[in-house]
């Protein structure tokens, strides 16, 4: 029997913004265990990036996503993990449909819980793809007027 080669997966991740804070959860996973990460998950066949982001946010936190937009893409190799992986990750910026919603931990086997963290005081350790973005100076917040600002 021929051995199947691993293939890249596509992930969609959300910078959910509230004021100057971002939503993060502490991972319980073989990749990046006990690190703080953004909500998100695997793109399913036929989904748009926004549909995937809204679905994952709802599944993980119970939160309803409002407006969202594409920010950037990264190409991440996890070669040091027990099961090596390759992810092409789409990052979206999003706001909540209702800013008064409170995140719930709907997947306790995958996350220790969700909370809002000030962008200038992020918890440690961050999931390494996010850590790399932060260290490079990446900022998910709009610098000037932006359509998401009016949400």
C-alpha atoms as a PDB file:
ATOM      1  CA  UNK A   1       0.000   0.000   0.000  1.00  0.00           C
ATOM      2  CA  UNK A   2       1.320   3.418  -0.952  1.00  0.00           C
ATOM      3  CA  UNK A   3       1.910   5.837   1.932  1.00  0.00           C
ATOM      4  CA  UNK A   4      -0.101   9.064   1.624  1.00  0.00           C
ATOM      5  CA  UNK A   5       1.876  12.264   1.853  1.00  0.00           C
ATOM      6  CA  UNK A   6       0.663  14.981   4.193  1.00  0.00           C
ATOM      7  CA  UNK A   7      -1.006  17.894   2.434  1.00  0.00           C
ATOM      8  CA  UNK A   8      -1.406  21.534   3.468  1.00  0.00           C
ATOM      9  CA  UNK A   9      -4.629  22.452   5.258  1.00  0.00           C
ATOM     10  CA  UNK A  10      -6.387  25.813   5.126  1.00  0.00           C
ATOM     11  CA  UNK A  11      -7.230  27.537   8.390  1.00  0.00           C
ATOM     12  CA  UNK A  12      -9.277  30.679   8.941  1.00  0.00           C
ATOM     13  CA  UNK A  13      -8.489  32.705  12.046  1.00  0.00           C
ATOM     14  CA  UNK A  14     -10.238  35.787  13.438  1.00  0.00           C
ATOM     15  CA  UNK A  15      -8.902  38.904  15.097  1.00  0.00           C
ATOM     16  CA  UNK A  16     -12.191  39.662  16.902  1.00  0.00           C
ATOM     17  CA  UNK A  17     -11.832  43.267  18.043  1.00  0.00           C
ATOM     18  CA  UNK A  18     -13.577  45.078  20.894  1.00  0.00           C
ATOM     19  CA  UNK A  19     -12.203  48.537  21.595  1.00  0.00           C
ATOM     20  CA  UNK A  20      -8.437  48.008  21.769  1.00  0.00           C
ATOM     21  CA  UNK A  21      -8.798  44.384  22.884  1.00  0.00           C
ATOM     22  CA  UNK A  22      -8.674  41.109  21.010  1.00  0.00           C
ATOM     23  CA  UNK A  23     -10.341  37.786  21.841  1.00  0.00           C
ATOM     24  CA  UNK A  24      -7.905  34.982  22.749  1.00  0.00           C
ATOM     25  CA  UNK A  25      -8.244  31.480  24.136  1.00  0.00           C
ATOM     26  CA  UNK A  26      -5.693  29.126  25.693  1.00  0.00           C
ATOM     27  CA  UNK A  27      -5.222  26.103  23.417  1.00  0.00           C
ATOM     28  CA  UNK A  28      -5.542  22.476  24.432  1.00  0.00           C
ATOM     29  CA  UNK A  29      -4.092  20.835  21.350  1.00  0.00           C
ATOM     30  CA  UNK A  30      -1.197  18.738  20.125  1.00  0.00           C
ATOM     31  CA  UNK A  31      -0.057  21.834  18.216  1.00  0.00           C
ATOM     32  CA  UNK A  32       0.613  24.834  20.463  1.00  0.00           C
ATOM     33  CA  UNK A  33      -0.752  23.342  23.683  1.00  0.00           C
ATOM     34  CA  UNK A  34      -1.198  25.909  26.511  1.00  0.00           C
ATOM     35  CA  UNK A  35      -0.539  28.897  24.235  1.00  0.00           C
ATOM     36  CA  UNK A  36      -2.936  31.790  23.645  1.00  0.00           C
ATOM     37  CA  UNK A  37      -4.494  31.867  20.199  1.00  0.00           C
ATOM     38  CA  UNK A  38      -7.218  33.479  18.137  1.00  0.00           C
ATOM     39  CA  UNK A  39     -10.512  31.707  17.419  1.00  0.00           C
ATOM     40  CA  UNK A  40     -10.692  29.831  14.120  1.00  0.00           C
ATOM     41  CA  UNK A  41     -10.438  26.502  12.416  1.00  0.00           C
ATOM     42  CA  UNK A  42     -10.435  24.522   9.194  1.00  0.00           C
ATOM     43  CA  UNK A  43     -12.020  25.841   6.024  1.00  0.00           C
ATOM     44  CA  UNK A  44     -14.724  23.427   4.877  1.00  0.00           C
ATOM     45  CA  UNK A  45     -15.416  22.620   1.240  1.00  0.00           C
ATOM     46  CA  UNK A  46     -17.447  25.375  -0.428  1.00  0.00           C
ATOM     47  CA  UNK A  47     -17.160  27.893   2.426  1.00  0.00           C
ATOM     48  CA  UNK A  48     -16.074  31.494   2.021  1.00  0.00           C
ATOM     49  CA  UNK A  49     -13.447  32.725   4.485  1.00  0.00           C
ATOM     50  CA  UNK A  50     -16.120  34.826   6.220  1.00  0.00           C
ATOM     51  CA  UNK A  51     -18.534  31.873   6.479  1.00  0.00           C
ATOM     52  CA  UNK A  52     -15.801  29.726   8.004  1.00  0.00           C
ATOM     53  CA  UNK A  53     -14.846  32.461  10.475  1.00  0.00           C
ATOM     54  CA  UNK A  54     -18.467  32.997  11.550  1.00  0.00           C
ATOM     55  CA  UNK A  55     -19.062  29.241  11.928  1.00  0.00           C
ATOM     56  CA  UNK A  56     -15.876  28.641  13.934  1.00  0.00           C
ATOM     57  CA  UNK A  57     -16.492  31.646  16.190  1.00  0.00           C
ATOM     58  CA  UNK A  58     -20.033  30.417  16.925  1.00  0.00           C
ATOM     59  CA  UNK A  59     -18.880  26.806  17.518  1.00  0.00           C
ATOM     60  CA  UNK A  60     -16.021  27.798  19.832  1.00  0.00           C
ATOM     61  CA  UNK A  61     -17.421  30.796  21.710  1.00  0.00           C
ATOM     62  CA  UNK A  62     -21.162  31.098  21.010  1.00  0.00           C
ATOM     63  CA  UNK A  63     -20.511  34.600  19.662  1.00  0.00           C
ATOM     64  CA  UNK A  64     -22.232  35.966  16.550  1.00  0.00           C
ATOM     65  CA  UNK A  65     -19.824  37.631  14.124  1.00  0.00           C
ATOM     66  CA  UNK A  66     -20.697  40.995  12.624  1.00  0.00           C
ATOM     67  CA  UNK A  67     -18.677  42.498   9.795  1.00  0.00           C
ATOM     68  CA  UNK A  68     -15.397  40.868   8.818  1.00  0.00           C
ATOM     69  CA  UNK A  69     -12.677  41.510   6.286  1.00  0.00           C
ATOM     70  CA  UNK A  70      -9.510  39.886   5.003  1.00  0.00           C
ATOM     71  CA  UNK A  71      -6.250  41.035   6.638  1.00  0.00           C
ATOM     72  CA  UNK A  72      -3.426  38.730   5.571  1.00  0.00           C
ATOM     73  CA  UNK A  73      -2.341  35.153   4.923  1.00  0.00           C
ATOM     74  CA  UNK A  74       0.521  33.134   6.416  1.00  0.00           C
ATOM     75  CA  UNK A  75       2.222  29.900   5.424  1.00  0.00           C
ATOM     76  CA  UNK A  76       3.073  27.917   8.579  1.00  0.00           C
ATOM     77  CA  UNK A  77       5.026  24.689   8.877  1.00  0.00           C
ATOM     78  CA  UNK A  78       4.776  22.808  12.167  1.00  0.00           C
ATOM     79  CA  UNK A  79       7.674  20.423  11.671  1.00  0.00           C
ATOM     80  CA  UNK A  80       8.641  20.041  15.335  1.00  0.00           C
ATOM     81  CA  UNK A  81       5.226  18.742  16.386  1.00  0.00           C
ATOM     82  CA  UNK A  82       4.484  15.057  17.137  1.00  0.00           C
ATOM     83  CA  UNK A  83       2.514  14.978  13.875  1.00  0.00           C
ATOM     84  CA  UNK A  84       4.058  17.506  11.443  1.00  0.00           C
ATOM     85  CA  UNK A  85       1.553  19.825   9.778  1.00  0.00           C
ATOM     86  CA  UNK A  86       1.424  22.555   7.143  1.00  0.00           C
ATOM     87  CA  UNK A  87      -1.210  25.298   7.353  1.00  0.00           C
ATOM     88  CA  UNK A  88      -2.058  28.138   5.012  1.00  0.00           C
ATOM     89  CA  UNK A  89      -3.866  30.477   7.393  1.00  0.00           C
ATOM     90  CA  UNK A  90      -6.260  33.241   6.362  1.00  0.00           C
ATOM     91  CA  UNK A  91      -6.537  36.041   8.939  1.00  0.00           C
ATOM     92  CA  UNK A  92      -9.704  38.110   9.142  1.00  0.00           C
ATOM     93  CA  UNK A  93     -10.515  41.173  11.227  1.00  0.00           C
ATOM     94  CA  UNK A  94     -14.022  41.021  12.705  1.00  0.00           C
ATOM     95  CA  UNK A  95     -16.376  42.691  15.133  1.00  0.00           C
ATOM     96  CA  UNK A  96     -19.282  41.132  17.000  1.00  0.00           C
ATOM     97  CA  UNK A  97     -22.863  41.452  15.766  1.00  0.00           C
ATOM     98  CA  UNK A  98     -23.695  42.628  19.324  1.00  0.00           C
ATOM     99  CA  UNK A  99     -20.743  44.054  21.296  1.00  0.00           C
ATOM    100  CA  UNK A 100     -22.396  43.040  24.596  1.00  0.00           C
ATOM    101  CA  UNK A 101     -22.099  39.305  23.859  1.00  0.00           C
ATOM    102  CA  UNK A 102     -20.002  37.315  26.336  1.00  0.00           C
ATOM    103  CA  UNK A 103     -17.771  34.485  25.058  1.00  0.00           C
ATOM    104  CA  UNK A 104     -18.479  30.974  26.319  1.00  0.00           C
ATOM    105  CA  UNK A 105     -16.101  28.028  26.232  1.00  0.00           C
ATOM    106  CA  UNK A 106     -18.105  25.635  24.037  1.00  0.00           C
ATOM    107  CA  UNK A 107     -15.172  23.310  23.241  1.00  0.00           C
ATOM    108  CA  UNK A 108     -13.480  22.732  26.631  1.00  0.00           C
ATOM    109  CA  UNK A 109     -11.539  19.790  25.191  1.00  0.00           C
ATOM    110  CA  UNK A 110      -9.828  22.225  22.770  1.00  0.00           C
ATOM    111  CA  UNK A 111      -9.613  25.439  24.833  1.00  0.00           C
ATOM    112  CA  UNK A 112      -9.291  26.451  28.493  1.00  0.00           C
ATOM    113  CA  UNK A 113     -11.505  29.521  27.956  1.00  0.00           C
ATOM    114  CA  UNK A 114     -11.861  32.832  26.118  1.00  0.00           C
ATOM    115  CA  UNK A 115     -11.230  36.382  27.253  1.00  0.00           C
ATOM    116  CA  UNK A 116     -10.520  39.881  25.947  1.00  0.00           C
ATOM    117  CA  UNK A 117      -6.899  41.045  26.117  1.00  0.00           C
ATOM    118  CA  UNK A 118      -5.514  44.518  25.533  1.00  0.00           C
ATOM    119  CA  UNK A 119      -3.354  44.480  22.396  1.00  0.00           C
ATOM    120  CA  UNK A 120      -0.537  46.211  24.300  1.00  0.00           C
ATOM    121  CA  UNK A 121      -0.690  43.660  27.173  1.00  0.00           C
ATOM    122  CA  UNK A 122      -1.125  40.282  25.481  1.00  0.00           C
ATOM    123  CA  UNK A 123      -0.840  37.149  27.639  1.00  0.00           C
ATOM    124  CA  UNK A 124       2.085  34.775  27.254  1.00  0.00           C
ATOM    125  CA  UNK A 125       2.901  32.450  25.706  1.00  0.00           C
ATOM    126  CA  UNK A 126       1.242  33.217  22.381  1.00  0.00           C
ATOM    127  CA  UNK A 127       0.711  30.535  19.733  1.00  0.00           C
ATOM    128  CA  UNK A 128       3.885  30.895  17.633  1.00  0.00           C
ATOM    129  CA  UNK A 129       2.265  32.072  14.353  1.00  0.00           C
ATOM    130  CA  UNK A 130       0.548  34.867  16.330  1.00  0.00           C
ATOM    131  CA  UNK A 131       3.744  35.581  18.305  1.00  0.00           C
ATOM    132  CA  UNK A 132       5.660  35.930  15.042  1.00  0.00           C
ATOM    133  CA  UNK A 133       3.079  38.413  13.703  1.00  0.00           C
ATOM    134  CA  UNK A 134       3.130  40.474  16.911  1.00  0.00           C
ATOM    135  CA  UNK A 135       6.951  40.611  16.943  1.00  0.00           C
ATOM    136  CA  UNK A 136       6.980  41.754  13.303  1.00  0.00           C
ATOM    137  CA  UNK A 137       4.882  44.780  14.302  1.00  0.00           C
ATOM    138  CA  UNK A 138       1.601  43.524  12.826  1.00  0.00           C
ATOM    139  CA  UNK A 139      -1.400  45.376  14.215  1.00  0.00           C
ATOM    140  CA  UNK A 140      -4.949  44.154  13.490  1.00  0.00           C
ATOM    141  CA  UNK A 141      -6.588  47.456  14.403  1.00  0.00           C
ATOM    142  CA  UNK A 142      -7.610  49.981  11.760  1.00  0.00           C
ATOM    143  CA  UNK A 143      -5.210  52.928  11.699  1.00  0.00           C
ATOM    144  CA  UNK A 144      -7.781  55.469  10.492  1.00  0.00           C
ATOM    145  CA  UNK A 145     -11.450  55.511   9.587  1.00  0.00           C
ATOM    146  CA  UNK A 146     -12.498  52.131   8.400  1.00  0.00           C
ATOM    147  CA  UNK A 147     -15.886  50.506   7.627  1.00  0.00           C
ATOM    148  CA  UNK A 148     -15.545  48.250  10.681  1.00  0.00           C
ATOM    149  CA  UNK A 149     -15.210  51.315  12.921  1.00  0.00           C
ATOM    150  CA  UNK A 150     -18.879  52.136  12.465  1.00  0.00           C
ATOM    151  CA  UNK A 151     -20.091  48.763  13.704  1.00  0.00           C
END
